[in-house]
Protein backbone atom coordinates (compact mmCIF):
# COMPACT_ATOMS: atom_id res chain seq x y z
CA MET A 1 0.00 0.00 0.00
CA SER A 2 1.42 3.39 -0.98
CA LYS A 3 1.94 6.17 1.54
CA ILE A 4 -1.20 7.96 2.65
CA PHE A 5 -1.30 11.77 2.94
CA LEU A 6 -4.40 13.34 4.47
CA GLN A 7 -3.67 16.77 5.95
CA ASP A 8 -3.84 18.93 2.82
CA SER A 9 -6.90 17.11 1.47
CA PHE A 10 -8.62 17.50 4.87
CA LYS A 11 -8.09 21.25 4.84
CA GLU A 12 -9.48 21.37 1.30
CA PHE A 13 -12.43 19.19 2.41
CA CYS A 14 -13.20 21.68 5.21
CA LYS A 15 -12.97 24.61 2.81
CA ILE A 16 -15.34 23.03 0.28
CA ASN A 17 -17.88 22.08 2.96
CA LYS A 18 -17.49 25.36 4.85
CA PHE A 19 -16.34 23.59 8.00
CA GLU A 20 -13.98 25.10 10.50
CA ALA A 21 -10.57 23.40 10.12
CA ASN A 22 -10.07 23.09 13.87
CA VAL A 23 -6.45 22.71 14.98
CA GLU A 24 -7.30 19.76 17.26
CA GLN A 25 -8.99 17.94 14.39
CA VAL A 26 -5.96 18.56 12.17
CA LYS A 27 -3.76 16.99 14.87
CA ILE A 28 -5.94 13.87 14.81
CA ILE A 29 -5.67 13.73 11.01
CA TYR A 30 -1.87 13.83 11.38
CA SER A 31 -2.01 10.97 13.92
CA LEU A 32 -4.25 8.94 11.63
CA GLU A 33 -1.79 9.50 8.80
CA LYS A 34 1.02 8.06 10.96
CA PHE A 35 -1.17 5.12 12.01
CA LEU A 36 -2.19 4.20 8.46
CA ASN A 37 1.41 4.43 7.24
CA ASN A 38 2.71 2.38 10.16
CA ARG A 39 4.04 -1.06 9.23
CA GLU A 40 5.70 -3.84 11.15
CA THR A 41 9.41 -3.87 10.35
CA ILE A 42 12.23 -6.34 10.93
CA LEU A 43 13.52 -4.04 13.68
CA SER A 44 10.13 -3.88 15.45
CA LYS A 45 9.96 -7.69 15.39
CA PHE A 46 13.48 -7.93 16.79
CA ILE A 47 12.71 -5.64 19.74
CA ARG A 48 9.26 -7.25 20.17
CA LYS A 49 7.47 -3.99 19.64
CA LYS A 50 3.76 -4.48 18.97
CA GLU A 51 2.54 -3.28 15.58
CA LYS A 52 -0.18 -0.70 16.10
CA LEU A 53 -3.27 -2.14 14.42
CA CYS A 54 -6.00 -0.09 16.11
CA PHE A 55 -6.69 3.65 16.20
CA TYR A 56 -8.92 4.35 19.20
CA LEU A 57 -10.43 7.85 18.98
CA TYR A 58 -12.49 9.05 21.93
CA GLY A 59 -14.00 12.38 22.94
CA LYS A 60 -17.15 14.15 24.02
CA VAL A 61 -20.24 14.29 21.86
CA GLY A 62 -20.43 16.53 18.81
CA VAL A 63 -16.71 17.30 18.47
CA GLY A 64 -16.41 15.78 14.99
CA LYS A 65 -15.01 12.28 15.58
CA THR A 66 -17.31 10.59 13.08
CA MET A 67 -16.87 13.39 10.55
CA LEU A 68 -13.07 12.99 10.75
CA LEU A 69 -13.06 9.25 10.36
CA ASN A 70 -15.67 9.33 7.60
CA PHE A 71 -13.37 11.69 5.71
CA VAL A 72 -10.39 9.37 6.25
CA PHE A 73 -12.38 6.28 5.35
CA ASP A 74 -13.65 7.83 2.12
CA SER A 75 -10.10 8.86 1.21
CA LEU A 76 -8.64 5.34 1.41
CA LYS A 77 -8.24 3.24 -1.72
CA ILE A 78 -8.05 -0.10 0.05
CA LYS A 79 -10.37 -2.99 0.92
CA LYS A 80 -12.41 -1.54 3.75
CA LEU A 81 -15.60 -1.85 5.79
CA ARG A 82 -17.48 0.82 7.74
CA GLN A 83 -20.09 -0.35 10.26
CA HIS A 84 -21.77 0.89 13.38
CA PHE A 85 -20.45 -1.23 16.24
CA ASN A 86 -23.94 -2.57 17.04
CA GLU A 87 -24.35 -3.78 13.47
CA PHE A 88 -20.90 -5.38 13.44
CA MET A 89 -21.70 -7.39 16.56
CA ILE A 90 -25.14 -8.40 15.24
CA ASN A 91 -23.46 -9.76 12.12
CA PHE A 92 -20.97 -11.69 14.26
CA HIS A 93 -23.67 -13.23 16.45
CA ASN A 94 -25.72 -14.18 13.37
CA PHE A 95 -22.65 -15.83 11.83
CA ARG A 96 -21.98 -17.68 15.08
CA HIS A 97 -25.59 -18.88 15.27
CA GLU A 98 -25.45 -20.25 11.71
CA LYS A 99 -22.08 -22.02 12.02
CA LYS A 100 -22.40 -23.50 15.52
CA ASP A 101 -18.84 -24.82 15.73
CA ASP A 102 -15.89 -24.40 18.09
CA ASN A 103 -13.88 -22.23 15.69
CA THR A 104 -16.55 -19.62 14.92
CA ILE A 105 -14.41 -16.62 15.86
CA THR A 106 -11.46 -17.73 13.75
CA THR A 107 -13.72 -18.58 10.80
CA PHE A 108 -15.54 -15.23 11.07
CA VAL A 109 -12.29 -13.25 11.17
CA LYS A 110 -10.74 -15.18 8.28
CA GLU A 111 -13.83 -14.32 6.21
CA LEU A 112 -13.28 -10.65 7.12
CA LYS A 113 -9.62 -10.88 6.15
CA LYS A 114 -10.53 -12.12 2.66
CA LYS A 115 -12.59 -8.98 2.10
CA TYR A 116 -11.04 -6.18 4.13
CA ASP A 117 -7.70 -4.71 5.16
CA LEU A 118 -9.31 -2.12 7.41
CA ILE A 119 -12.52 -2.02 9.47
CA TYR A 120 -13.99 1.21 10.82
CA LEU A 121 -16.28 0.74 13.84
CA ASP A 122 -18.30 3.83 14.69
CA GLU A 123 -19.80 4.47 18.15
CA PHE A 124 -18.01 1.71 19.98
CA GLN A 125 -19.72 0.96 23.29
CA VAL A 126 -20.19 -2.21 25.32
CA THR A 127 -23.55 -2.48 27.06
CA ASN A 128 -24.26 -6.20 27.40
CA ILE A 129 -22.47 -9.13 28.95
CA VAL A 130 -22.65 -11.29 25.81
CA ASP A 131 -20.52 -8.82 23.82
CA ALA A 132 -18.27 -8.15 26.81
CA MET A 133 -17.36 -11.83 27.17
CA ILE A 134 -16.52 -12.35 23.49
CA LEU A 135 -14.67 -9.16 22.49
CA GLY A 136 -11.28 -10.10 23.91
CA LYS A 137 -10.95 -13.27 21.86
CA LEU A 138 -12.55 -11.67 18.79
CA PHE A 139 -10.06 -8.78 18.69
CA GLU A 140 -7.14 -11.05 19.53
CA VAL A 141 -7.85 -13.01 16.33
CA ILE A 142 -8.49 -9.81 14.33
CA PHE A 143 -5.02 -8.54 15.27
CA GLU A 144 -3.44 -11.93 14.55
CA GLU A 145 -4.82 -11.58 11.03
CA LYS A 146 -3.31 -8.06 10.76
CA ILE A 147 -6.65 -6.37 10.07
CA LYS A 148 -6.44 -2.69 10.97
CA ILE A 149 -9.25 -1.25 13.09
CA ILE A 150 -10.29 2.36 13.57
CA ILE A 151 -12.79 3.17 16.33
CA THR A 152 -14.83 6.17 17.47
CA THR A 153 -16.29 6.27 20.95
CA ASN A 154 -17.28 8.69 23.71
CA THR A 155 -15.57 6.53 26.32
CA LYS A 156 -11.98 6.30 27.49
CA LEU A 157 -10.61 2.81 27.02
CA HIS A 158 -10.35 2.06 30.74
CA ASP A 159 -13.94 3.25 31.32
CA LEU A 160 -15.53 0.83 28.85
CA TYR A 161 -18.22 -1.38 30.43
CA ILE A 162 -17.32 0.32 33.72
CA ASP A 163 -20.30 -0.92 35.79
CA GLY A 164 -21.03 -4.03 33.73
CA LEU A 165 -21.69 -7.52 35.04
CA GLN A 166 -18.57 -9.67 35.49
CA ARG A 167 -16.39 -6.80 34.27
CA ASP A 168 -13.26 -8.66 35.38
CA GLN A 169 -13.81 -11.01 32.42
CA PHE A 170 -13.84 -7.98 30.10
CA LEU A 171 -10.48 -6.62 31.27
CA PRO A 172 -8.41 -8.85 28.90
CA PHE A 173 -10.07 -7.03 25.99
CA ILE A 174 -8.91 -3.67 27.38
CA SER A 175 -5.39 -5.06 27.73
CA ILE A 176 -5.40 -6.32 24.13
CA ILE A 177 -6.63 -3.00 22.72
CA GLU A 178 -4.11 -1.11 24.84
CA ASN A 179 -1.21 -3.18 23.49
CA PHE A 180 -2.18 -2.74 19.84
CA SER A 181 -3.61 0.79 19.77
CA PHE A 182 -2.91 4.43 19.28
CA GLN A 183 -5.30 6.11 21.75
CA LYS A 184 -6.20 9.69 20.95
CA GLU A 185 -8.67 12.09 22.51
CA LEU A 186 -10.34 14.79 20.43
CA GLN A 187 -10.89 17.77 22.72
CA ILE A 188 -13.08 20.61 21.46
CA LYS A 189 -15.28 22.77 23.66
CA ASP A 190 -18.20 23.22 21.24
CA ASP A 191 -20.73 20.61 20.25
CA TYR A 192 -21.04 21.33 16.54
CA ARG A 193 -24.36 19.53 16.28
CA THR A 194 -26.15 21.87 18.70
CA LYS A 195 -24.97 25.09 17.07
CA ASN A 196 -27.56 27.19 15.25
CA ASN A 197 -30.43 25.75 17.26
CA GLU A 198 -32.74 28.33 15.72
CA LYS A 199 -32.93 25.98 12.73
CA LEU A 200 -34.78 23.41 14.85
CA GLN A 201 -38.35 23.06 13.68
CA GLN A 202 -39.08 19.40 14.34
CA ILE A 203 -39.25 19.20 18.16
CA PHE A 204 -42.53 19.88 19.97
CA PHE A 205 -42.86 20.25 23.75
CA PRO A 206 -44.26 19.97 26.39
CA LEU A 207 -46.80 17.16 26.00
CA ASN A 208 -50.21 18.81 25.82
CA GLU A 209 -53.11 19.37 23.41
CA LYS A 210 -51.35 22.23 21.62
CA THR A 211 -48.29 20.07 20.99
CA SER A 212 -50.48 17.21 19.78
CA PHE A 213 -52.24 19.52 17.33
CA ARG A 214 -48.95 20.91 15.98
CA ILE A 215 -47.32 17.52 15.43
CA ASN A 216 -50.52 16.23 13.75
CA GLN A 217 -50.37 19.23 11.46
CA ARG A 218 -46.71 18.61 10.64
CA PHE A 219 -47.37 14.92 9.96
CA ARG A 220 -50.17 15.79 7.51
CA GLU A 221 -47.80 18.17 5.70
CA PHE A 222 -45.18 15.44 5.26
CA THR A 223 -47.63 12.71 4.22
CA ARG A 224 -49.88 14.70 1.89
CA ASN A 225 -50.71 12.77 -1.31
CA THR A 226 -49.41 9.47 0.11
CA ASN A 227 -51.33 6.37 1.18
CA LYS A 228 -51.33 4.77 4.59
CA GLU A 229 -49.92 1.23 4.82
CA SER A 230 -49.00 -1.33 7.46
CA LYS A 231 -45.55 -2.89 7.40
CA LEU A 232 -44.54 -6.11 9.14
CA VAL A 233 -40.96 -6.17 10.42
CA THR A 234 -39.71 -9.65 11.36
CA THR A 235 -36.49 -10.08 13.34
CA LYS A 236 -35.42 -13.55 14.47
CA GLY A 237 -39.02 -14.64 14.78
CA ARG A 238 -40.19 -11.43 16.49
CA ASN A 239 -42.92 -9.55 14.65
CA PHE A 240 -43.27 -5.78 14.87
CA VAL A 241 -46.01 -3.94 12.98
CA ILE A 242 -45.63 -0.37 11.72
CA ASN A 243 -49.28 0.69 11.62
CA ASN A 244 -48.70 4.24 10.40
CA PHE A 245 -46.45 4.05 7.35
CA TYR A 246 -46.67 6.51 4.43
CA SER A 247 -44.08 6.04 1.66
CA GLY A 248 -41.06 5.91 3.96
CA ILE A 249 -42.53 8.11 6.71
CA ALA A 250 -43.50 6.28 9.90
CA ARG A 251 -45.19 7.42 13.09
CA PHE A 252 -44.83 5.86 16.53
CA LYS A 253 -45.47 6.46 20.20
CA PHE A 254 -42.33 6.24 22.34
CA LYS A 255 -43.79 3.27 24.22
CA ASP A 256 -44.27 1.32 20.96
CA LEU A 257 -40.54 1.48 20.27
CA CYS A 258 -39.00 1.41 23.74
CA ASP A 259 -41.39 -0.32 26.15
CA ASN A 260 -41.40 -3.50 24.09
CA ASN A 261 -38.58 -6.06 23.96
CA LEU A 262 -36.81 -4.61 20.92
CA GLY A 263 -33.08 -4.48 20.28
CA ALA A 264 -30.53 -3.11 17.85
CA GLU A 265 -31.42 -5.52 15.06
CA ASP A 266 -35.12 -4.60 15.27
CA TYR A 267 -34.25 -0.90 14.98
CA ILE A 268 -31.98 -1.60 12.01
CA ASN A 269 -34.80 -3.43 10.22
CA ILE A 270 -37.25 -0.61 10.98
CA SER A 271 -34.80 2.01 9.73
CA ASN A 272 -34.26 0.10 6.48
CA LEU A 273 -37.87 0.89 5.58
CA CYS A 274 -37.91 4.53 6.64
CA LYS A 275 -36.49 7.91 5.72
CA HIS A 276 -38.37 10.05 8.28
CA ILE A 277 -39.74 8.91 11.65
CA PHE A 278 -42.14 10.70 13.99
CA ILE A 279 -41.77 9.67 17.66
CA GLU A 280 -44.34 11.03 20.10
CA GLU A 281 -44.63 11.29 23.87
CA ILE A 282 -40.96 10.90 24.76
CA PRO A 283 -40.87 11.08 28.59
CA LYS A 284 -38.40 12.41 31.09
CA PHE A 285 -35.86 9.72 31.91
CA ASN A 286 -34.94 8.60 35.41
CA ASN A 287 -33.78 5.53 37.29
CA GLU A 288 -37.24 3.98 37.02
CA ASN A 289 -37.30 3.86 33.21
CA SER A 290 -33.56 3.35 32.57
CA ASN A 291 -34.21 0.16 30.53
CA GLN A 292 -36.46 2.09 28.14
CA GLN A 293 -33.86 4.85 28.02
CA LEU A 294 -31.14 2.38 26.98
CA ARG A 295 -33.36 1.11 24.14
CA PHE A 296 -33.97 4.73 23.14
CA ILE A 297 -30.20 5.46 23.11
CA THR A 298 -29.55 2.38 20.95
CA MET A 299 -32.39 3.30 18.62
CA ILE A 300 -31.21 6.89 18.12
CA ASP A 301 -27.66 5.69 17.41
CA ILE A 302 -28.95 3.38 14.68
CA PHE A 303 -31.33 5.94 13.18
CA TYR A 304 -28.47 8.44 13.12
CA GLU A 305 -26.21 5.95 11.36
CA LYS A 306 -28.97 5.28 8.81
CA LYS A 307 -29.49 9.04 8.26
CA ILE A 308 -33.12 9.03 9.40
CA ARG A 309 -34.81 12.41 9.86
CA LEU A 310 -36.80 12.80 13.09
CA THR A 311 -39.81 14.75 14.29
CA LEU A 312 -40.41 14.48 18.03
CA SER A 313 -42.88 15.38 20.73
CA ILE A 314 -41.23 15.40 24.10
CA GLU A 315 -41.94 16.04 27.78
CA GLU A 316 -39.63 19.04 28.01
CA ASN A 317 -37.07 21.13 26.13
CA LEU A 318 -34.38 18.85 24.70
CA ASN A 319 -31.65 20.81 26.51
CA ASN A 320 -33.34 20.03 29.82
CA LEU A 321 -34.33 16.42 29.21
CA SER A 322 -33.39 14.42 32.29
CA SER A 323 -31.55 11.09 32.41
CA SER A 324 -31.14 8.09 34.65
CA ASN A 325 -27.90 8.04 36.64
CA ARG A 326 -26.69 4.93 34.81
CA HIS A 327 -26.93 6.40 31.30
CA PHE A 328 -26.18 10.04 32.10
CA GLU A 329 -22.89 10.32 30.16
CA VAL A 330 -23.84 8.34 27.05
CA PHE A 331 -27.19 10.17 26.88
CA LYS A 332 -25.32 13.38 26.11
CA ARG A 333 -24.51 11.87 22.70
CA THR A 334 -28.17 10.99 22.19
CA ILE A 335 -29.25 14.57 22.94
CA SER A 336 -26.62 15.93 20.56
CA ARG A 337 -27.72 13.60 17.78
CA MET A 338 -31.38 14.45 18.28
CA PHE A 339 -30.52 18.11 17.73
CA GLU A 340 -28.92 17.26 14.40
CA MET A 341 -31.55 14.76 13.25
CA THR A 342 -34.44 17.19 13.83
CA LYS A 343 -32.99 20.16 11.95
CA SER A 344 -34.92 21.17 8.88
CA PRO A 345 -33.08 20.22 5.68
C-alpha cells in the first residue's frame, strides 16, 4: 500500500464544505496518517514492539469524531468496511448462530480478512455481557490476522463497560486494545451539532393538546398525497407492525418502540424501511425507566447511522431532558444527535 497523505486534502475538504478546520482535528488527522502508514518492520519484530493495528479515537459528543473518520475512510483506496459497532456485533452473532462450531471466531475473522484490510467501527460501546465476554478473543484473532481497526467512541478505554456484570472477564479485551492501539482524545469545547439551534423546527414540547395539534399538522404536511400502509418487520421470529407508514414516513409512540422487547437488530430493520420517523410522547428519563432509556439510546444511534430524519414530541425542552444516573454520560450523545436529526433540511 502506498503512503497515505491526508492533511492537505482535509483542509481542502473543510474549505469546500465550509467547515472550521479546527487545529485539534488537524492533529488527529496527522495521527491517523502516521497510524495508516505504520508497518511492522524487521527491527520492530526484533525488539518485540507491537505493531499498532487499532486507532482508538475518543472524545465528548459533537466534536467531529465521526466526521473525521468518515473523511479518512472515504479517502482510502483499500479494501475496507465501515459499520456501526452494534451492526458489526449483530453480524458476528448471526454468523456464530449459523455455524455453531468451536472455531466460529477464527472462521468469522478469516472471512473478514478475505474482504477487508481495514474495518472502521463507529460508536463503539459495550452495554451487554454477551458482547463483553466475546470481544477479547474476537479482537485477539483480528489482530493476529493483521486487520487494521479504527474506532470512534465517547468513552476512554479504561472506562468501557465500567459498571457491567462480570467486568473482570472484560479486562483482557482492554489489555489487548491497549497493546495494539494508538489512543487519541479529540478535545473541542463546542458541540457542533447543537450550534444554530434556531434551525430546529421538528421538536414539539411539552406534551399537551397544543403540541399534539402541531405535530398532527406537521405529519399531515409530510404525508400529503401518500397512502397509509402497514408494514410487518420480522427479526429472528419477532414480529413488529408499523401501523402508520406513508411512503417511507413512519409514526410511533415512544412506548411502541421502547417499552417492548426490541433491540438493535429490530431498529436496524425498521430504519431500512424509513427515511423520516415521527416519535411522540418521549418522557423524562430517570432511574425507574432506565431500561427504556437504553433502548432509546440504541435506537437513536442506529437511526443516526442510517441518516433518518426525526420529528419528536417530548416532555420538556431537549436541553433540559433528564436522564437516569446509569446512562447520564452516554445520553449526552443521544441529545446531541437528536438536535442534528431534527434540523430542517
